[in-house]
N, C-alpha and C. Protein backbone atom coordinates (compact mmCIF):
# COMPACT_ATOMS: atom_id res chain seq x y z
N MET A 1 117.98 106.18 100.89
CA MET A 1 118.25 105.78 99.53
C MET A 1 117.00 105.09 98.96
N ASP A 2 116.56 105.56 97.81
CA ASP A 2 115.34 104.98 97.25
C ASP A 2 115.61 103.66 96.54
N ALA A 3 114.55 102.94 96.27
CA ALA A 3 114.64 101.59 95.69
C ALA A 3 115.33 101.61 94.32
N HIS A 4 115.08 102.64 93.52
CA HIS A 4 115.69 102.72 92.18
C HIS A 4 117.21 102.75 92.29
N ILE A 5 117.71 103.59 93.17
CA ILE A 5 119.17 103.72 93.34
C ILE A 5 119.75 102.39 93.81
N LYS A 6 119.11 101.78 94.78
CA LYS A 6 119.59 100.51 95.31
C LYS A 6 119.59 99.43 94.22
N LYS A 7 118.53 99.39 93.43
CA LYS A 7 118.42 98.38 92.38
C LYS A 7 119.49 98.57 91.30
N VAL A 8 119.75 99.82 90.93
CA VAL A 8 120.70 100.11 89.85
C VAL A 8 122.15 100.01 90.30
N TYR A 9 122.45 100.40 91.54
CA TYR A 9 123.84 100.53 91.95
C TYR A 9 124.34 99.51 92.98
N VAL A 10 123.46 98.66 93.50
CA VAL A 10 123.91 97.70 94.51
C VAL A 10 123.57 96.29 94.02
N PRO A 11 124.53 95.42 93.72
CA PRO A 11 125.97 95.66 93.70
C PRO A 11 126.38 96.53 92.52
N MET A 12 127.55 97.11 92.62
CA MET A 12 128.05 98.03 91.60
C MET A 12 128.88 97.33 90.54
N THR A 13 128.95 97.96 89.39
CA THR A 13 129.90 97.53 88.37
C THR A 13 131.28 98.04 88.79
N GLU A 14 132.32 97.44 88.24
CA GLU A 14 133.67 97.94 88.52
C GLU A 14 133.81 99.39 88.09
N THR A 15 133.24 99.72 86.95
CA THR A 15 133.31 101.09 86.45
C THR A 15 132.70 102.06 87.45
N GLY A 16 131.49 101.76 87.89
CA GLY A 16 130.82 102.62 88.86
C GLY A 16 131.60 102.75 90.15
N PHE A 17 132.11 101.63 90.63
CA PHE A 17 132.88 101.61 91.86
C PHE A 17 134.11 102.52 91.74
N TYR A 18 134.86 102.35 90.68
CA TYR A 18 136.08 103.15 90.52
C TYR A 18 135.78 104.64 90.32
N ILE A 19 134.70 104.95 89.62
CA ILE A 19 134.34 106.36 89.44
C ILE A 19 134.05 107.00 90.80
N LEU A 20 133.21 106.36 91.60
CA LEU A 20 132.89 106.94 92.92
C LEU A 20 134.14 107.01 93.80
N LEU A 21 134.94 105.96 93.77
CA LEU A 21 136.17 105.94 94.57
C LEU A 21 137.08 107.11 94.19
N CYS A 22 137.23 107.34 92.90
CA CYS A 22 138.10 108.43 92.43
C CYS A 22 137.52 109.81 92.68
N LEU A 23 136.19 109.91 92.76
CA LEU A 23 135.57 111.23 92.93
C LEU A 23 135.43 111.65 94.39
N ARG A 24 136.07 110.94 95.28
CA ARG A 24 136.11 111.43 96.67
C ARG A 24 136.89 112.73 96.71
N GLU A 25 137.74 112.93 95.70
CA GLU A 25 138.38 114.23 95.44
C GLU A 25 137.88 114.68 94.07
N PRO A 26 137.48 115.95 93.92
CA PRO A 26 136.97 116.41 92.62
C PRO A 26 137.94 116.08 91.48
N ASN A 27 137.38 115.63 90.36
CA ASN A 27 138.20 115.21 89.23
C ASN A 27 137.36 115.25 87.96
N HIS A 28 138.01 115.10 86.82
CA HIS A 28 137.33 115.04 85.53
C HIS A 28 137.48 113.64 84.95
N GLY A 29 136.75 113.35 83.89
CA GLY A 29 136.72 112.02 83.31
C GLY A 29 138.09 111.47 82.97
N TYR A 30 138.91 112.26 82.28
CA TYR A 30 140.23 111.78 81.89
C TYR A 30 141.10 111.51 83.12
N GLY A 31 140.95 112.35 84.13
CA GLY A 31 141.69 112.15 85.38
C GLY A 31 141.30 110.84 86.05
N ILE A 32 140.02 110.51 85.99
CA ILE A 32 139.54 109.25 86.57
C ILE A 32 140.14 108.07 85.79
N VAL A 33 140.11 108.15 84.46
CA VAL A 33 140.67 107.09 83.62
C VAL A 33 142.13 106.84 84.02
N GLN A 34 142.89 107.93 84.18
CA GLN A 34 144.31 107.81 84.54
C GLN A 34 144.49 107.21 85.93
N MET A 35 143.68 107.65 86.89
CA MET A 35 143.78 107.12 88.26
C MET A 35 143.49 105.63 88.30
N VAL A 36 142.44 105.20 87.60
CA VAL A 36 142.05 103.79 87.60
C VAL A 36 143.14 102.96 86.94
N LYS A 37 143.67 103.45 85.84
CA LYS A 37 144.74 102.74 85.14
C LYS A 37 145.94 102.55 86.07
N GLU A 38 146.27 103.62 86.80
CA GLU A 38 147.40 103.57 87.73
C GLU A 38 147.11 102.64 88.91
N MET A 39 145.92 102.77 89.51
CA MET A 39 145.53 101.95 90.66
C MET A 39 145.56 100.46 90.35
N THR A 40 145.11 100.12 89.13
CA THR A 40 144.98 98.71 88.75
C THR A 40 146.18 98.22 87.94
N LYS A 41 147.23 99.04 87.88
CA LYS A 41 148.45 98.70 87.12
C LYS A 41 148.12 98.32 85.68
N GLY A 42 147.15 99.05 85.11
CA GLY A 42 146.79 98.85 83.71
C GLY A 42 145.81 97.72 83.45
N ASP A 43 145.39 97.01 84.49
CA ASP A 43 144.44 95.91 84.29
C ASP A 43 143.05 96.41 83.89
N ILE A 44 142.69 97.60 84.36
CA ILE A 44 141.39 98.17 84.00
C ILE A 44 141.64 99.53 83.35
N VAL A 45 141.18 99.64 82.12
CA VAL A 45 141.27 100.90 81.38
C VAL A 45 139.85 101.26 80.97
N LEU A 46 139.33 102.32 81.56
CA LEU A 46 137.95 102.73 81.28
C LEU A 46 137.89 103.39 79.90
N ALA A 47 137.01 102.90 79.05
CA ALA A 47 136.82 103.48 77.72
C ALA A 47 136.05 104.79 77.86
N PRO A 48 136.38 105.78 77.02
CA PRO A 48 135.69 107.09 77.11
C PRO A 48 134.18 107.00 77.06
N GLY A 49 133.62 106.19 76.17
CA GLY A 49 132.16 106.08 76.07
C GLY A 49 131.54 105.55 77.35
N THR A 50 132.18 104.54 77.93
CA THR A 50 131.70 103.96 79.19
C THR A 50 131.81 105.00 80.30
N MET A 51 132.95 105.66 80.36
CA MET A 51 133.22 106.65 81.41
C MET A 51 132.19 107.78 81.36
N TYR A 52 132.03 108.40 80.20
CA TYR A 52 131.16 109.57 80.13
C TYR A 52 129.69 109.20 80.23
N GLY A 53 129.31 108.01 79.76
CA GLY A 53 127.95 107.54 79.96
C GLY A 53 127.65 107.33 81.43
N SER A 54 128.61 106.74 82.14
CA SER A 54 128.45 106.51 83.58
C SER A 54 128.40 107.82 84.36
N LEU A 55 129.27 108.76 84.01
CA LEU A 55 129.26 110.07 84.69
C LEU A 55 127.91 110.75 84.52
N SER A 56 127.38 110.72 83.30
CA SER A 56 126.10 111.36 83.01
C SER A 56 124.98 110.71 83.82
N LYS A 57 124.94 109.37 83.85
CA LYS A 57 123.90 108.66 84.59
C LYS A 57 124.03 108.91 86.09
N MET A 58 125.26 108.86 86.60
CA MET A 58 125.47 109.07 88.03
C MET A 58 125.10 110.50 88.44
N GLU A 59 125.37 111.46 87.58
CA GLU A 59 124.99 112.84 87.89
C GLU A 59 123.46 112.96 87.91
N LYS A 60 122.80 112.36 86.93
CA LYS A 60 121.34 112.39 86.86
C LYS A 60 120.72 111.73 88.10
N ASP A 61 121.34 110.65 88.56
CA ASP A 61 120.83 109.92 89.73
C ASP A 61 121.26 110.53 91.06
N GLY A 62 122.10 111.57 91.02
CA GLY A 62 122.46 112.28 92.25
C GLY A 62 123.62 111.68 93.03
N LEU A 63 124.39 110.77 92.42
CA LEU A 63 125.54 110.18 93.11
C LEU A 63 126.78 111.07 93.02
N ILE A 64 126.83 111.85 91.94
CA ILE A 64 127.93 112.81 91.77
C ILE A 64 127.31 114.14 91.37
N ARG A 65 128.13 115.19 91.48
CA ARG A 65 127.63 116.50 91.06
C ARG A 65 128.72 117.23 90.28
N PHE A 66 128.28 118.05 89.35
CA PHE A 66 129.18 118.91 88.59
C PHE A 66 129.68 120.00 89.54
N VAL A 67 130.98 120.23 89.56
CA VAL A 67 131.56 121.23 90.46
C VAL A 67 131.91 122.50 89.69
N ARG A 68 132.67 122.33 88.60
CA ARG A 68 133.09 123.48 87.80
C ARG A 68 133.69 122.97 86.49
N GLU A 69 133.97 123.91 85.61
CA GLU A 69 134.66 123.57 84.38
C GLU A 69 136.06 124.15 84.45
N GLU A 70 137.04 123.36 84.04
CA GLU A 70 138.44 123.76 84.11
C GLU A 70 139.11 123.32 82.81
N ASP A 71 139.62 124.26 82.03
CA ASP A 71 140.25 123.92 80.74
C ASP A 71 139.35 123.03 79.88
N LYS A 72 138.09 123.40 79.78
CA LYS A 72 137.08 122.69 78.99
C LYS A 72 136.80 121.27 79.49
N ARG A 73 137.20 120.98 80.72
CA ARG A 73 136.91 119.67 81.32
C ARG A 73 135.95 119.88 82.48
N LYS A 74 134.92 119.03 82.53
CA LYS A 74 133.96 119.10 83.63
C LYS A 74 134.53 118.39 84.84
N ILE A 75 134.54 119.09 85.96
CA ILE A 75 135.02 118.52 87.22
C ILE A 75 133.80 118.08 88.03
N TYR A 76 133.85 116.83 88.53
CA TYR A 76 132.78 116.26 89.32
C TYR A 76 133.28 115.90 90.71
N ALA A 77 132.33 115.77 91.64
CA ALA A 77 132.65 115.30 93.00
C ALA A 77 131.51 114.38 93.45
N ILE A 78 131.85 113.48 94.35
CA ILE A 78 130.85 112.56 94.90
C ILE A 78 129.91 113.32 95.85
N THR A 79 128.66 112.91 95.89
CA THR A 79 127.67 113.52 96.79
C THR A 79 127.51 112.62 98.03
N ASP A 80 126.69 113.07 98.97
CA ASP A 80 126.41 112.24 100.16
C ASP A 80 125.78 110.91 99.75
N LEU A 81 124.86 110.96 98.79
CA LEU A 81 124.23 109.72 98.30
C LEU A 81 125.28 108.81 97.66
N GLY A 82 126.18 109.40 96.88
CA GLY A 82 127.25 108.62 96.27
C GLY A 82 128.14 107.98 97.32
N ASN A 83 128.45 108.72 98.38
CA ASN A 83 129.26 108.17 99.48
C ASN A 83 128.53 107.01 100.16
N GLU A 84 127.21 107.14 100.31
CA GLU A 84 126.41 106.08 100.94
C GLU A 84 126.46 104.81 100.08
N VAL A 85 126.28 104.96 98.77
CA VAL A 85 126.33 103.82 97.86
C VAL A 85 127.73 103.20 97.86
N LEU A 86 128.76 104.04 97.82
CA LEU A 86 130.14 103.54 97.85
C LEU A 86 130.43 102.79 99.13
N SER A 87 129.95 103.29 100.23
CA SER A 87 130.15 102.63 101.53
C SER A 87 129.49 101.25 101.56
N ILE A 88 128.27 101.15 101.04
CA ILE A 88 127.57 99.87 100.98
C ILE A 88 128.38 98.88 100.14
N GLU A 89 128.88 99.35 99.02
CA GLU A 89 129.66 98.48 98.13
C GLU A 89 130.99 98.07 98.77
N MET A 90 131.64 98.98 99.46
CA MET A 90 132.90 98.64 100.11
C MET A 90 132.68 97.57 101.19
N LYS A 91 131.59 97.69 101.94
CA LYS A 91 131.27 96.69 102.95
C LYS A 91 130.98 95.34 102.30
N ARG A 92 130.30 95.36 101.16
CA ARG A 92 129.99 94.13 100.44
C ARG A 92 131.28 93.45 99.97
N ILE A 93 132.20 94.24 99.43
CA ILE A 93 133.48 93.69 98.95
C ILE A 93 134.30 93.15 100.12
N GLU A 94 134.31 93.88 101.23
CA GLU A 94 135.02 93.41 102.43
C GLU A 94 134.46 92.08 102.91
N ARG A 95 133.12 91.95 102.89
CA ARG A 95 132.48 90.70 103.30
C ARG A 95 132.89 89.56 102.36
N LEU A 96 132.88 89.82 101.06
CA LEU A 96 133.28 88.81 100.09
C LEU A 96 134.73 88.37 100.35
N TYR A 97 135.60 89.34 100.57
CA TYR A 97 137.02 89.05 100.81
C TYR A 97 137.19 88.24 102.09
N LYS A 98 136.50 88.64 103.14
CA LYS A 98 136.58 87.94 104.44
C LYS A 98 136.10 86.50 104.27
N ASN A 99 134.97 86.31 103.60
CA ASN A 99 134.43 84.97 103.39
C ASN A 99 135.39 84.11 102.56
N MET A 100 135.99 84.72 101.56
CA MET A 100 136.93 84.00 100.72
C MET A 100 138.13 83.53 101.55
N LYS A 101 138.65 84.41 102.39
CA LYS A 101 139.80 84.07 103.23
C LYS A 101 139.45 82.96 104.22
N GLU A 102 138.24 83.03 104.79
CA GLU A 102 137.81 82.01 105.75
C GLU A 102 137.66 80.64 105.11
N MET A 103 137.27 80.63 103.85
CA MET A 103 137.10 79.35 103.14
C MET A 103 138.43 78.84 102.60
N GLY A 104 139.42 79.74 102.55
CA GLY A 104 140.78 79.54 102.13
C GLY A 104 141.13 78.37 101.37
């Protein structure tokens, strides 16, 4: 992973985190918005501008890739680099959670 990717994506924004998490299975922007809304019980609702801007940047940076178009919707999937970044972030969150619990 190059320095640019690490600088931009580690630590991740919630938006970036949820996009990569949802794209472990191929999906489109609206599908991601719905999944995040459901996962967070409506606490996080990704705005279309934020979502599509993030998808475009992540595709350009190689974290996700365009898979196909379906009913005029672009389907994306996470790449190996995206999985690596997601894994780093998940470990960071686990460490934060563990430390929080220990300090209880």
